[in-house]
Amino acid sequence: MSEHCNCGHDHEHENCACGCGEEQEAGIITLVDDEGVEHEFEVADVLELDGSEYIALIPADYEEDEGDDGELVVLKVVAEGVEEYLEAIESEEEFNKIAAIFMERLGEEYDFVEE
């Protein structure tokens, strides 16, 4: 999956290979919300199902032992040519199915509360 480091180039990497010298922390991705605010997430799990790829993220600053109510973010990986990006799952049925699989797979690591 493509990730974006602070160098401005979109590419696969652990260490940025574009020559900028920036390093990307393994398993951490940065997403930008509608207001332009950056949020860091840890990749909790990746799932391929029915020809699609999905990713489960938790906030990078999540601390369960501190009583933090972290949120599991479930997104779909969409390929457009050679580029990949993350998008919200529009179908409620599809989202519920994928979220349930992630919750089952991650249930031993995290305590989930369904809303």
PDB file of N, CA and C in Angstrom:
ATOM      1  N   MET A   1       0.846  -1.177   0.000  1.00  0.00           N
ATOM      2  CA  MET A   1       0.000   0.000   0.000  1.00  0.00           C
ATOM      3  C   MET A   1       0.885   1.231   0.000  1.00  0.00           C
ATOM      4  N   SER A   2       0.531   2.213  -0.760  1.00  0.00           N
ATOM      5  CA  SER A   2       1.266   3.459  -0.794  1.00  0.00           C
ATOM      6  C   SER A   2       1.030   4.245   0.483  1.00  0.00           C
ATOM      7  N   GLU A   3       2.071   4.878   0.929  1.00  0.00           N
ATOM      8  CA  GLU A   3       1.954   5.754   2.080  1.00  0.00           C
ATOM      9  C   GLU A   3       2.632   7.064   1.730  1.00  0.00           C
ATOM     10  N   HIS A   4       2.297   8.099   2.442  1.00  0.00           N
ATOM     11  CA  HIS A   4       2.805   9.422   2.136  1.00  0.00           C
ATOM     12  C   HIS A   4       3.649   9.911   3.307  1.00  0.00           C
ATOM     13  N   CYS A   5       4.922  10.222   3.049  1.00  0.00           N
ATOM     14  CA  CYS A   5       5.751  10.791   4.106  1.00  0.00           C
ATOM     15  C   CYS A   5       5.759  12.307   3.933  1.00  0.00           C
ATOM     16  N   ASN A   6       6.486  12.983   4.740  1.00  0.00           N
ATOM     17  CA  ASN A   6       6.488  14.445   4.690  1.00  0.00           C
ATOM     18  C   ASN A   6       7.305  15.019   3.543  1.00  0.00           C
ATOM     19  N   CYS A   7       7.845  14.172   2.675  1.00  0.00           N
ATOM     20  CA  CYS A   7       8.675  14.660   1.575  1.00  0.00           C
ATOM     21  C   CYS A   7       7.839  15.163   0.407  1.00  0.00           C
ATOM     22  N   GLY A   8       6.547  14.828   0.389  1.00  0.00           N
ATOM     23  CA  GLY A   8       5.705  15.261  -0.716  1.00  0.00           C
ATOM     24  C   GLY A   8       5.605  14.265  -1.849  1.00  0.00           C
ATOM     25  N   HIS A   9       6.279  13.131  -1.732  1.00  0.00           N
ATOM     26  CA  HIS A   9       6.213  12.082  -2.744  1.00  0.00           C
ATOM     27  C   HIS A   9       5.354  10.949  -2.224  1.00  0.00           C
ATOM     28  N   ASP A  10       4.592  10.316  -3.092  1.00  0.00           N
ATOM     29  CA  ASP A  10       3.730   9.203  -2.729  1.00  0.00           C
ATOM     30  C   ASP A  10       4.413   7.915  -3.172  1.00  0.00           C
ATOM     31  N   HIS A  11       4.768   7.043  -2.209  1.00  0.00           N
ATOM     32  CA  HIS A  11       5.500   5.839  -2.565  1.00  0.00           C
ATOM     33  C   HIS A  11       5.523   4.833  -1.426  1.00  0.00           C
ATOM     34  N   GLU A  12       5.937   3.600  -1.769  1.00  0.00           N
ATOM     35  CA  GLU A  12       6.122   2.543  -0.789  1.00  0.00           C
ATOM     36  C   GLU A  12       7.429   2.814  -0.051  1.00  0.00           C
ATOM     37  N   HIS A  13       7.450   2.603   1.277  1.00  0.00           N
ATOM     38  CA  HIS A  13       8.721   2.746   1.957  1.00  0.00           C
ATOM     39  C   HIS A  13       8.664   2.410   3.433  1.00  0.00           C
ATOM     40  N   GLU A  14       9.802   2.017   3.932  1.00  0.00           N
ATOM     41  CA  GLU A  14      10.085   2.056   5.362  1.00  0.00           C
ATOM     42  C   GLU A  14      10.973   3.261   5.551  1.00  0.00           C
ATOM     43  N   ASN A  15      12.033   3.310   4.771  1.00  0.00           N
ATOM     44  CA  ASN A  15      12.864   4.504   4.682  1.00  0.00           C
ATOM     45  C   ASN A  15      12.563   5.110   3.323  1.00  0.00           C
ATOM     46  N   CYS A  16      12.283   6.372   3.306  1.00  0.00           N
ATOM     47  CA  CYS A  16      11.887   7.037   2.073  1.00  0.00           C
ATOM     48  C   CYS A  16      12.949   6.839   1.005  1.00  0.00           C
ATOM     49  N   ALA A  17      12.581   6.240  -0.117  1.00  0.00           N
ATOM     50  CA  ALA A  17      13.529   5.923  -1.176  1.00  0.00           C
ATOM     51  C   ALA A  17      13.612   7.014  -2.239  1.00  0.00           C
ATOM     52  N   CYS A  18      12.937   8.117  -2.037  1.00  0.00           N
ATOM     53  CA  CYS A  18      12.941   9.163  -3.065  1.00  0.00           C
ATOM     54  C   CYS A  18      14.162  10.066  -2.948  1.00  0.00           C
ATOM     55  N   GLY A  19      14.996   9.799  -1.927  1.00  0.00           N
ATOM     56  CA  GLY A  19      16.201  10.602  -1.777  1.00  0.00           C
ATOM     57  C   GLY A  19      16.036  11.787  -0.850  1.00  0.00           C
ATOM     58  N   CYS A  20      14.874  11.940  -0.238  1.00  0.00           N
ATOM     59  CA  CYS A  20      14.653  13.091   0.633  1.00  0.00           C
ATOM     60  C   CYS A  20      15.257  12.892   2.020  1.00  0.00           C
ATOM     61  N   GLY A  21      15.566  11.636   2.382  1.00  0.00           N
ATOM     62  CA  GLY A  21      16.164  11.365   3.681  1.00  0.00           C
ATOM     63  C   GLY A  21      15.171  11.195   4.810  1.00  0.00           C
ATOM     64  N   GLU A  22      13.878  11.362   4.546  1.00  0.00           N
ATOM     65  CA  GLU A  22      12.860  11.197   5.583  1.00  0.00           C
ATOM     66  C   GLU A  22      12.626   9.723   5.852  1.00  0.00           C
ATOM     67  N   GLU A  23      12.306   9.387   7.097  1.00  0.00           N
ATOM     68  CA  GLU A  23      11.967   8.009   7.444  1.00  0.00           C
ATOM     69  C   GLU A  23      10.503   7.948   7.840  1.00  0.00           C
ATOM     70  N   GLN A  24       9.838   6.877   7.442  1.00  0.00           N
ATOM     71  CA  GLN A  24       8.447   6.631   7.799  1.00  0.00           C
ATOM     72  C   GLN A  24       8.444   5.546   8.854  1.00  0.00           C
ATOM     73  N   GLU A  25       7.862   5.818  10.013  1.00  0.00           N
ATOM     74  CA  GLU A  25       7.783   4.823  11.063  1.00  0.00           C
ATOM     75  C   GLU A  25       6.925   3.656  10.585  1.00  0.00           C
ATOM     76  N   ALA A  26       7.443   2.441  10.686  1.00  0.00           N
ATOM     77  CA  ALA A  26       6.739   1.249  10.215  1.00  0.00           C
ATOM     78  C   ALA A  26       5.390   1.120  10.909  1.00  0.00           C
ATOM     79  N   GLY A  27       4.344   0.882  10.119  1.00  0.00           N
ATOM     80  CA  GLY A  27       3.024   0.653  10.679  1.00  0.00           C
ATOM     81  C   GLY A  27       2.262   1.905  11.051  1.00  0.00           C
ATOM     82  N   ILE A  28       2.813   3.083  10.814  1.00  0.00           N
ATOM     83  CA  ILE A  28       2.139   4.346  11.129  1.00  0.00           C
ATOM     84  C   ILE A  28       1.850   5.078   9.818  1.00  0.00           C
ATOM     85  N   ILE A  29       0.599   5.502   9.655  1.00  0.00           N
ATOM     86  CA  ILE A  29       0.255   6.312   8.485  1.00  0.00           C
ATOM     87  C   ILE A  29      -0.422   7.588   8.957  1.00  0.00           C
ATOM     88  N   THR A  30      -0.336   8.610   8.147  1.00  0.00           N
ATOM     89  CA  THR A  30      -0.942   9.901   8.458  1.00  0.00           C
ATOM     90  C   THR A  30      -2.102  10.137   7.505  1.00  0.00           C
ATOM     91  N   LEU A  31      -3.265  10.440   8.060  1.00  0.00           N
ATOM     92  CA  LEU A  31      -4.437  10.785   7.261  1.00  0.00           C
ATOM     93  C   LEU A  31      -4.796  12.236   7.532  1.00  0.00           C
ATOM     94  N   VAL A  32      -5.341  12.904   6.532  1.00  0.00           N
ATOM     95  CA  VAL A  32      -5.743  14.297   6.656  1.00  0.00           C
ATOM     96  C   VAL A  32      -7.264  14.358   6.613  1.00  0.00           C
ATOM     97  N   ASP A  33      -7.878  14.999   7.631  1.00  0.00           N
ATOM     98  CA  ASP A  33      -9.339  15.079   7.677  1.00  0.00           C
ATOM     99  C   ASP A  33      -9.852  16.214   6.786  1.00  0.00           C
ATOM    100  N   ASP A  34     -11.172  16.408   6.774  1.00  0.00           N
ATOM    101  CA  ASP A  34     -11.809  17.403   5.906  1.00  0.00           C
ATOM    102  C   ASP A  34     -11.366  18.830   6.204  1.00  0.00           C
ATOM    103  N   GLU A  35     -10.897  19.080   7.442  1.00  0.00           N
ATOM    104  CA  GLU A  35     -10.443  20.421   7.829  1.00  0.00           C
ATOM    105  C   GLU A  35      -8.955  20.612   7.591  1.00  0.00           C
ATOM    106  N   GLY A  36      -8.284  19.591   7.021  1.00  0.00           N
ATOM    107  CA  GLY A  36      -6.858  19.693   6.737  1.00  0.00           C
ATOM    108  C   GLY A  36      -5.965  19.337   7.920  1.00  0.00           C
ATOM    109  N   VAL A  37      -6.541  18.789   8.985  1.00  0.00           N
ATOM    110  CA  VAL A  37      -5.770  18.408  10.171  1.00  0.00           C
ATOM    111  C   VAL A  37      -5.230  16.991   9.989  1.00  0.00           C
ATOM    112  N   GLU A  38      -3.943  16.819  10.259  1.00  0.00           N
ATOM    113  CA  GLU A  38      -3.310  15.503  10.135  1.00  0.00           C
ATOM    114  C   GLU A  38      -3.509  14.686  11.403  1.00  0.00           C
ATOM    115  N   HIS A  39      -3.768  13.384  11.220  1.00  0.00           N
ATOM    116  CA  HIS A  39      -3.935  12.446  12.327  1.00  0.00           C
ATOM    117  C   HIS A  39      -3.091  11.216  12.021  1.00  0.00           C
ATOM    118  N   GLU A  40      -2.328  10.757  13.019  1.00  0.00           N
ATOM    119  CA  GLU A  40      -1.511   9.566  12.830  1.00  0.00           C
ATOM    120  C   GLU A  40      -2.246   8.342  13.357  1.00  0.00           C
ATOM    121  N   PHE A  41      -2.161   7.251  12.583  1.00  0.00           N
ATOM    122  CA  PHE A  41      -2.815   5.998  12.940  1.00  0.00           C
ATOM    123  C   PHE A  41      -1.821   4.848  12.832  1.00  0.00           C
ATOM    124  N   GLU A  42      -2.017   3.872  13.693  1.00  0.00           N
ATOM    125  CA  GLU A  42      -1.251   2.641  13.631  1.00  0.00           C
ATOM    126  C   GLU A  42      -2.068   1.618  12.855  1.00  0.00           C
ATOM    127  N   VAL A  43      -1.418   0.899  11.963  1.00  0.00           N
ATOM    128  CA  VAL A  43      -2.094  -0.152  11.213  1.00  0.00           C
ATOM    129  C   VAL A  43      -2.268  -1.340  12.149  1.00  0.00           C
ATOM    130  N   ALA A  44      -3.533  -1.658  12.473  1.00  0.00           N
ATOM    131  CA  ALA A  44      -3.835  -2.771  13.378  1.00  0.00           C
ATOM    132  C   ALA A  44      -3.956  -4.082  12.615  1.00  0.00           C
ATOM    133  N   ASP A  45      -4.493  -4.035  11.391  1.00  0.00           N
ATOM    134  CA  ASP A  45      -4.695  -5.254  10.618  1.00  0.00           C
ATOM    135  C   ASP A  45      -5.036  -4.877   9.175  1.00  0.00           C
ATOM    136  N   VAL A  46      -4.782  -5.806   8.271  1.00  0.00           N
ATOM    137  CA  VAL A  46      -5.134  -5.666   6.858  1.00  0.00           C
ATOM    138  C   VAL A  46      -5.844  -6.944   6.455  1.00  0.00           C
ATOM    139  N   LEU A  47      -6.885  -6.815   5.648  1.00  0.00           N
ATOM    140  CA  LEU A  47      -7.717  -7.944   5.267  1.00  0.00           C
ATOM    141  C   LEU A  47      -8.016  -7.885   3.774  1.00  0.00           C
ATOM    142  N   GLU A  48      -7.893  -9.023   3.108  1.00  0.00           N
ATOM    143  CA  GLU A  48      -8.347  -9.150   1.728  1.00  0.00           C
ATOM    144  C   GLU A  48      -9.558 -10.059   1.727  1.00  0.00           C
ATOM    145  N   LEU A  49     -10.645  -9.592   1.115  1.00  0.00           N
ATOM    146  CA  LEU A  49     -11.883 -10.358   1.080  1.00  0.00           C
ATOM    147  C   LEU A  49     -12.645 -10.032  -0.197  1.00  0.00           C
ATOM    148  N   ASP A  50     -13.082 -11.052  -0.893  1.00  0.00           N
ATOM    149  CA  ASP A  50     -13.886 -10.887  -2.106  1.00  0.00           C
ATOM    150  C   ASP A  50     -13.249  -9.938  -3.114  1.00  0.00           C
ATOM    151  N   GLY A  51     -11.925 -10.023  -3.260  1.00  0.00           N
ATOM    152  CA  GLY A  51     -11.225  -9.216  -4.242  1.00  0.00           C
ATOM    153  C   GLY A  51     -10.958  -7.782  -3.822  1.00  0.00           C
ATOM    154  N   SER A  52     -11.275  -7.418  -2.585  1.00  0.00           N
ATOM    155  CA  SER A  52     -11.015  -6.066  -2.084  1.00  0.00           C
ATOM    156  C   SER A  52     -10.091  -6.146  -0.877  1.00  0.00           C
ATOM    157  N   GLU A  53      -9.382  -5.053  -0.632  1.00  0.00           N
ATOM    158  CA  GLU A  53      -8.488  -4.970   0.519  1.00  0.00           C
ATOM    159  C   GLU A  53      -9.015  -3.909   1.481  1.00  0.00           C
ATOM    160  N   TYR A  54      -8.947  -4.224   2.771  1.00  0.00           N
ATOM    161  CA  TYR A  54      -9.428  -3.331   3.818  1.00  0.00           C
ATOM    162  C   TYR A  54      -8.331  -3.168   4.855  1.00  0.00           C
ATOM    163  N   ILE A  55      -8.366  -2.048   5.580  1.00  0.00           N
ATOM    164  CA  ILE A  55      -7.363  -1.775   6.592  1.00  0.00           C
ATOM    165  C   ILE A  55      -8.055  -1.296   7.865  1.00  0.00           C
ATOM    166  N   ALA A  56      -7.573  -1.791   9.011  1.00  0.00           N
ATOM    167  CA  ALA A  56      -8.082  -1.363  10.310  1.00  0.00           C
ATOM    168  C   ALA A  56      -7.001  -0.514  10.968  1.00  0.00           C
ATOM    169  N   LEU A  57      -7.383   0.665  11.416  1.00  0.00           N
ATOM    170  CA  LEU A  57      -6.449   1.608  12.023  1.00  0.00           C
ATOM    171  C   LEU A  57      -6.903   1.984  13.428  1.00  0.00           C
ATOM    172  N   ILE A  58      -5.932   2.252  14.294  1.00  0.00           N
ATOM    173  CA  ILE A  58      -6.236   2.826  15.612  1.00  0.00           C
ATOM    174  C   ILE A  58      -5.388   4.086  15.761  1.00  0.00           C
ATOM    175  N   PRO A  59      -5.865   5.072  16.506  1.00  0.00           N
ATOM    176  CA  PRO A  59      -5.059   6.280  16.690  1.00  0.00           C
ATOM    177  C   PRO A  59      -3.684   5.924  17.249  1.00  0.00           C
ATOM    178  N   ALA A  60      -2.642   6.526  16.705  1.00  0.00           N
ATOM    179  CA  ALA A  60      -1.274   6.215  17.119  1.00  0.00           C
ATOM    180  C   ALA A  60      -1.027   6.573  18.577  1.00  0.00           C
ATOM    181  N   ASP A  61      -1.784   7.526  19.112  1.00  0.00           N
ATOM    182  CA  ASP A  61      -1.584   7.935  20.506  1.00  0.00           C
ATOM    183  C   ASP A  61      -2.517   7.205  21.474  1.00  0.00           C
ATOM    184  N   TYR A  62      -3.152   6.142  21.019  1.00  0.00           N
ATOM    185  CA  TYR A  62      -4.076   5.349  21.830  1.00  0.00           C
ATOM    186  C   TYR A  62      -3.328   4.657  22.963  1.00  0.00           C
ATOM    187  N   GLU A  63      -3.818   4.794  24.184  1.00  0.00           N
ATOM    188  CA  GLU A  63      -3.237   4.147  25.365  1.00  0.00           C
ATOM    189  C   GLU A  63      -4.349   3.462  26.137  1.00  0.00           C
ATOM    190  N   GLU A  64      -4.561   2.169  25.886  1.00  0.00           N
ATOM    191  CA  GLU A  64      -5.640   1.420  26.533  1.00  0.00           C
ATOM    192  C   GLU A  64      -5.498   1.418  28.048  1.00  0.00           C
ATOM    193  N   ASP A  65      -4.266   1.264  28.542  1.00  0.00           N
ATOM    194  CA  ASP A  65      -4.049   1.190  29.983  1.00  0.00           C
ATOM    195  C   ASP A  65      -4.314   2.515  30.683  1.00  0.00           C
ATOM    196  N   GLU A  66      -4.478   3.602  29.937  1.00  0.00           N
ATOM    197  CA  GLU A  66      -4.801   4.902  30.511  1.00  0.00           C
ATOM    198  C   GLU A  66      -6.294   5.215  30.402  1.00  0.00           C
ATOM    199  N   GLY A  67      -7.105   4.202  30.073  1.00  0.00           N
ATOM    200  CA  GLY A  67      -8.549   4.402  29.978  1.00  0.00           C
ATOM    201  C   GLY A  67      -8.972   5.146  28.728  1.00  0.00           C
ATOM    202  N   ASP A  68      -8.092   5.222  27.764  1.00  0.00           N
ATOM    203  CA  ASP A  68      -8.378   5.915  26.510  1.00  0.00           C
ATOM    204  C   ASP A  68      -9.430   5.140  25.725  1.00  0.00           C
ATOM    205  N   ASP A  69     -10.460   5.833  25.250  1.00  0.00           N
ATOM    206  CA  ASP A  69     -11.475   5.211  24.404  1.00  0.00           C
ATOM    207  C   ASP A  69     -11.073   5.400  22.947  1.00  0.00           C
ATOM    208  N   GLY A  70     -10.106   4.611  22.493  1.00  0.00           N
ATOM    209  CA  GLY A  70      -9.656   4.689  21.108  1.00  0.00           C
ATOM    210  C   GLY A  70     -10.750   4.212  20.177  1.00  0.00           C
ATOM    211  N   GLU A  71     -10.608   4.551  18.933  1.00  0.00           N
ATOM    212  CA  GLU A  71     -11.621   4.195  17.946  1.00  0.00           C
ATOM    213  C   GLU A  71     -10.973   3.385  16.841  1.00  0.00           C
ATOM    214  N   LEU A  72     -11.613   2.293  16.455  1.00  0.00           N
ATOM    215  CA  LEU A  72     -11.146   1.490  15.328  1.00  0.00           C
ATOM    216  C   LEU A  72     -11.677   2.131  14.055  1.00  0.00           C
ATOM    217  N   VAL A  73     -10.776   2.471  13.160  1.00  0.00           N
ATOM    218  CA  VAL A  73     -11.140   3.076  11.888  1.00  0.00           C
ATOM    219  C   VAL A  73     -10.970   2.014  10.815  1.00  0.00           C
ATOM    220  N   VAL A  74     -12.022   1.748  10.056  1.00  0.00           N
ATOM    221  CA  VAL A  74     -12.002   0.733   9.010  1.00  0.00           C
ATOM    222  C   VAL A  74     -12.200   1.428   7.669  1.00  0.00           C
ATOM    223  N   LEU A  75     -11.233   1.232   6.765  1.00  0.00           N
ATOM    224  CA  LEU A  75     -11.273   1.862   5.454  1.00  0.00           C
ATOM    225  C   LEU A  75     -11.011   0.831   4.370  1.00  0.00           C
ATOM    226  N   LYS A  76     -11.400   1.173   3.171  1.00  0.00           N
ATOM    227  CA  LYS A  76     -11.188   0.313   2.012  1.00  0.00           C
ATOM    228  C   LYS A  76      -9.994   0.849   1.228  1.00  0.00           C
ATOM    229  N   VAL A  77      -9.117  -0.049   0.783  1.00  0.00           N
ATOM    230  CA  VAL A  77      -7.986   0.324  -0.057  1.00  0.00           C
ATOM    231  C   VAL A  77      -8.459   0.251  -1.501  1.00  0.00           C
ATOM    232  N   VAL A  78      -8.353   1.364  -2.201  1.00  0.00           N
ATOM    233  CA  VAL A  78      -8.821   1.446  -3.581  1.00  0.00           C
ATOM    234  C   VAL A  78      -7.628   1.745  -4.477  1.00  0.00           C
ATOM    235  N   ALA A  79      -7.486   0.952  -5.536  1.00  0.00           N
ATOM    236  CA  ALA A  79      -6.400   1.147  -6.495  1.00  0.00           C
ATOM    237  C   ALA A  79      -6.929   1.888  -7.711  1.00  0.00           C
ATOM    238  N   GLU A  80      -6.170   2.872  -8.127  1.00  0.00           N
ATOM    239  CA  GLU A  80      -6.492   3.628  -9.337  1.00  0.00           C
ATOM    240  C   GLU A  80      -5.216   3.687 -10.164  1.00  0.00           C
ATOM    241  N   GLY A  81      -5.089   2.764 -11.118  1.00  0.00           N
ATOM    242  CA  GLY A  81      -3.825   2.626 -11.844  1.00  0.00           C
ATOM    243  C   GLY A  81      -2.795   2.029 -10.901  1.00  0.00           C
ATOM    244  N   VAL A  82      -1.657   2.693 -10.766  1.00  0.00           N
ATOM    245  CA  VAL A  82      -0.619   2.218  -9.848  1.00  0.00           C
ATOM    246  C   VAL A  82      -0.737   2.862  -8.471  1.00  0.00           C
ATOM    247  N   GLU A  83      -1.593   3.859  -8.339  1.00  0.00           N
ATOM    248  CA  GLU A  83      -1.791   4.547  -7.064  1.00  0.00           C
ATOM    249  C   GLU A  83      -2.839   3.834  -6.221  1.00  0.00           C
ATOM    250  N   GLU A  84      -2.649   3.849  -4.912  1.00  0.00           N
ATOM    251  CA  GLU A  84      -3.638   3.325  -3.968  1.00  0.00           C
ATOM    252  C   GLU A  84      -3.998   4.424  -2.990  1.00  0.00           C
ATOM    253  N   TYR A  85      -5.261   4.447  -2.589  1.00  0.00           N
ATOM    254  CA  TYR A  85      -5.701   5.400  -1.578  1.00  0.00           C
ATOM    255  C   TYR A  85      -6.749   4.731  -0.704  1.00  0.00           C
ATOM    256  N   LEU A  86      -7.051   5.365   0.424  1.00  0.00           N
ATOM    257  CA  LEU A  86      -8.024   4.838   1.376  1.00  0.00           C
ATOM    258  C   LEU A  86      -9.307   5.632   1.262  1.00  0.00           C
ATOM    259  N   GLU A  87     -10.440   4.916   1.341  1.00  0.00           N
ATOM    260  CA  GLU A  87     -11.729   5.603   1.306  1.00  0.00           C
ATOM    261  C   GLU A  87     -12.685   4.950   2.293  1.00  0.00           C
ATOM    262  N   ALA A  88     -13.669   5.726   2.711  1.00  0.00           N
ATOM    263  CA  ALA A  88     -14.708   5.205   3.603  1.00  0.00           C
ATOM    264  C   ALA A  88     -15.512   4.139   2.879  1.00  0.00           C
ATOM    265  N   ILE A  89     -16.015   3.180   3.637  1.00  0.00           N
ATOM    266  CA  ILE A  89     -16.862   2.127   3.072  1.00  0.00           C
ATOM    267  C   ILE A  89     -18.291   2.658   3.080  1.00  0.00           C
ATOM    268  N   GLU A  90     -18.848   2.890   1.905  1.00  0.00           N
ATOM    269  CA  GLU A  90     -20.164   3.515   1.783  1.00  0.00           C
ATOM    270  C   GLU A  90     -21.320   2.590   2.165  1.00  0.00           C
ATOM    271  N   SER A  91     -21.207   1.326   1.814  1.00  0.00           N
ATOM    272  CA  SER A  91     -22.273   0.374   2.085  1.00  0.00           C
ATOM    273  C   SER A  91     -22.273  -0.019   3.564  1.00  0.00           C
ATOM    274  N   GLU A  92     -23.391   0.203   4.236  1.00  0.00           N
ATOM    275  CA  GLU A  92     -23.493  -0.150   5.651  1.00  0.00           C
ATOM    276  C   GLU A  92     -23.331  -1.655   5.845  1.00  0.00           C
ATOM    277  N   GLU A  93     -23.899  -2.433   4.937  1.00  0.00           N
ATOM    278  CA  GLU A  93     -23.796  -3.892   5.013  1.00  0.00           C
ATOM    279  C   GLU A  93     -22.335  -4.339   4.880  1.00  0.00           C
ATOM    280  N   GLU A  94     -21.632  -3.770   3.891  1.00  0.00           N
ATOM    281  CA  GLU A  94     -20.222  -4.107   3.683  1.00  0.00           C
ATOM    282  C   GLU A  94     -19.398  -3.680   4.894  1.00  0.00           C
ATOM    283  N   PHE A  95     -19.632  -2.461   5.397  1.00  0.00           N
ATOM    284  CA  PHE A  95     -18.891  -1.968   6.557  1.00  0.00           C
ATOM    285  C   PHE A  95     -19.099  -2.875   7.765  1.00  0.00           C
ATOM    286  N   ASN A  96     -20.347  -3.217   8.062  1.00  0.00           N
ATOM    287  CA  ASN A  96     -20.635  -4.061   9.223  1.00  0.00           C
ATOM    288  C   ASN A  96     -19.960  -5.423   9.112  1.00  0.00           C
ATOM    289  N   LYS A  97     -19.960  -5.991   7.912  1.00  0.00           N
ATOM    290  CA  LYS A  97     -19.327  -7.294   7.683  1.00  0.00           C
ATOM    291  C   LYS A  97     -17.822  -7.204   7.939  1.00  0.00           C
ATOM    292  N   ILE A  98     -17.166  -6.201   7.370  1.00  0.00           N
ATOM    293  CA  ILE A  98     -15.713  -6.046   7.491  1.00  0.00           C
ATOM    294  C   ILE A  98     -15.336  -5.678   8.926  1.00  0.00           C
ATOM    295  N   ALA A  99     -16.077  -4.764   9.537  1.00  0.00           N
ATOM    296  CA  ALA A  99     -15.790  -4.366  10.930  1.00  0.00           C
ATOM    297  C   ALA A  99     -15.904  -5.560  11.869  1.00  0.00           C
ATOM    298  N   ALA A 100     -16.900  -6.418  11.661  1.00  0.00           N
ATOM    299  CA  ALA A 100     -17.078  -7.602  12.509  1.00  0.00           C
ATOM    300  C   ALA A 100     -15.885  -8.550  12.377  1.00  0.00           C
ATOM    301  N   ILE A 101     -15.368  -8.706  11.162  1.00  0.00           N
ATOM    302  CA  ILE A 101     -14.202  -9.573  10.954  1.00  0.00           C
ATOM    303  C   ILE A 101     -12.992  -8.994  11.669  1.00  0.00           C
ATOM    304  N   PHE A 102     -12.759  -7.690  11.514  1.00  0.00           N
ATOM    305  CA  PHE A 102     -11.627  -7.062  12.204  1.00  0.00           C
ATOM    306  C   PHE A 102     -11.777  -7.171  13.721  1.00  0.00           C
ATOM    307  N   MET A 103     -12.972  -6.943  14.232  1.00  0.00           N
ATOM    308  CA  MET A 103     -13.190  -7.004  15.676  1.00  0.00           C
ATOM    309  C   MET A 103     -12.925  -8.409  16.207  1.00  0.00           C
ATOM    310  N   GLU A 104     -13.308  -9.421  15.432  1.00  0.00           N
ATOM    311  CA  GLU A 104     -13.045 -10.802  15.837  1.00  0.00           C
ATOM    312  C   GLU A 104     -11.541 -11.082  15.814  1.00  0.00           C
ATOM    313  N   ARG A 105     -10.870 -10.642  14.766  1.00  0.00           N
ATOM    314  CA  ARG A 105      -9.435 -10.890  14.619  1.00  0.00           C
ATOM    315  C   ARG A 105      -8.605 -10.130  15.648  1.00  0.00           C
ATOM    316  N   LEU A 106      -9.063  -8.948  16.041  1.00  0.00           N
ATOM    317  CA  LEU A 106      -8.298  -8.093  16.949  1.00  0.00           C
ATOM    318  C   LEU A 106      -8.803  -8.144  18.387  1.00  0.00           C
ATOM    319  N   GLY A 107      -9.822  -8.969  18.639  1.00  0.00           N
ATOM    320  CA  GLY A 107     -10.468  -9.009  19.947  1.00  0.00           C
ATOM    321  C   GLY A 107      -9.571  -9.346  21.115  1.00  0.00           C
ATOM    322  N   GLU A 108      -8.507 -10.093  20.882  1.00  0.00           N
ATOM    323  CA  GLU A 108      -7.619 -10.437  21.991  1.00  0.00           C
ATOM    324  C   GLU A 108      -6.663  -9.296  22.333  1.00  0.00           C
ATOM    325  N   GLU A 109      -6.411  -8.410  21.382  1.00  0.00           N
ATOM    326  CA  GLU A 109      -5.509  -7.284  21.611  1.00  0.00           C
ATOM    327  C   GLU A 109      -6.224  -6.043  22.133  1.00  0.00           C
ATOM    328  N   TYR A 110      -7.494  -5.877  21.762  1.00  0.00           N
ATOM    329  CA  TYR A 110      -8.239  -4.669  22.086  1.00  0.00           C
ATOM    330  C   TYR A 110      -9.610  -5.032  22.639  1.00  0.00           C
ATOM    331  N   ASP A 111     -10.118  -4.197  23.556  1.00  0.00           N
ATOM    332  CA  ASP A 111     -11.473  -4.347  24.075  1.00  0.00           C
ATOM    333  C   ASP A 111     -12.380  -3.424  23.265  1.00  0.00           C
ATOM    334  N   PHE A 112     -13.308  -4.004  22.520  1.00  0.00           N
ATOM    335  CA  PHE A 112     -14.192  -3.222  21.667  1.00  0.00           C
ATOM    336  C   PHE A 112     -15.545  -3.019  22.351  1.00  0.00           C
ATOM    337  N   VAL A 113     -16.089  -1.820  22.172  1.00  0.00           N
ATOM    338  CA  VAL A 113     -17.432  -1.499  22.619  1.00  0.00           C
ATOM    339  C   VAL A 113     -18.191  -1.072  21.382  1.00  0.00           C
ATOM    340  N   GLU A 114     -19.227  -1.823  21.025  1.00  0.00           N
ATOM    341  CA  GLU A 114     -20.010  -1.483  19.834  1.00  0.00           C
ATOM    342  C   GLU A 114     -20.933  -0.310  20.140  1.00  0.00           C
ATOM    343  N   GLU A 115     -21.029   0.598  19.164  1.00  0.00           N
ATOM    344  CA  GLU A 115     -21.914   1.767  19.322  1.00  0.00           C
ATOM    345  C   GLU A 115     -23.173   1.573  18.535  1.00  0.00           C
TER     346      GLU A 115
END
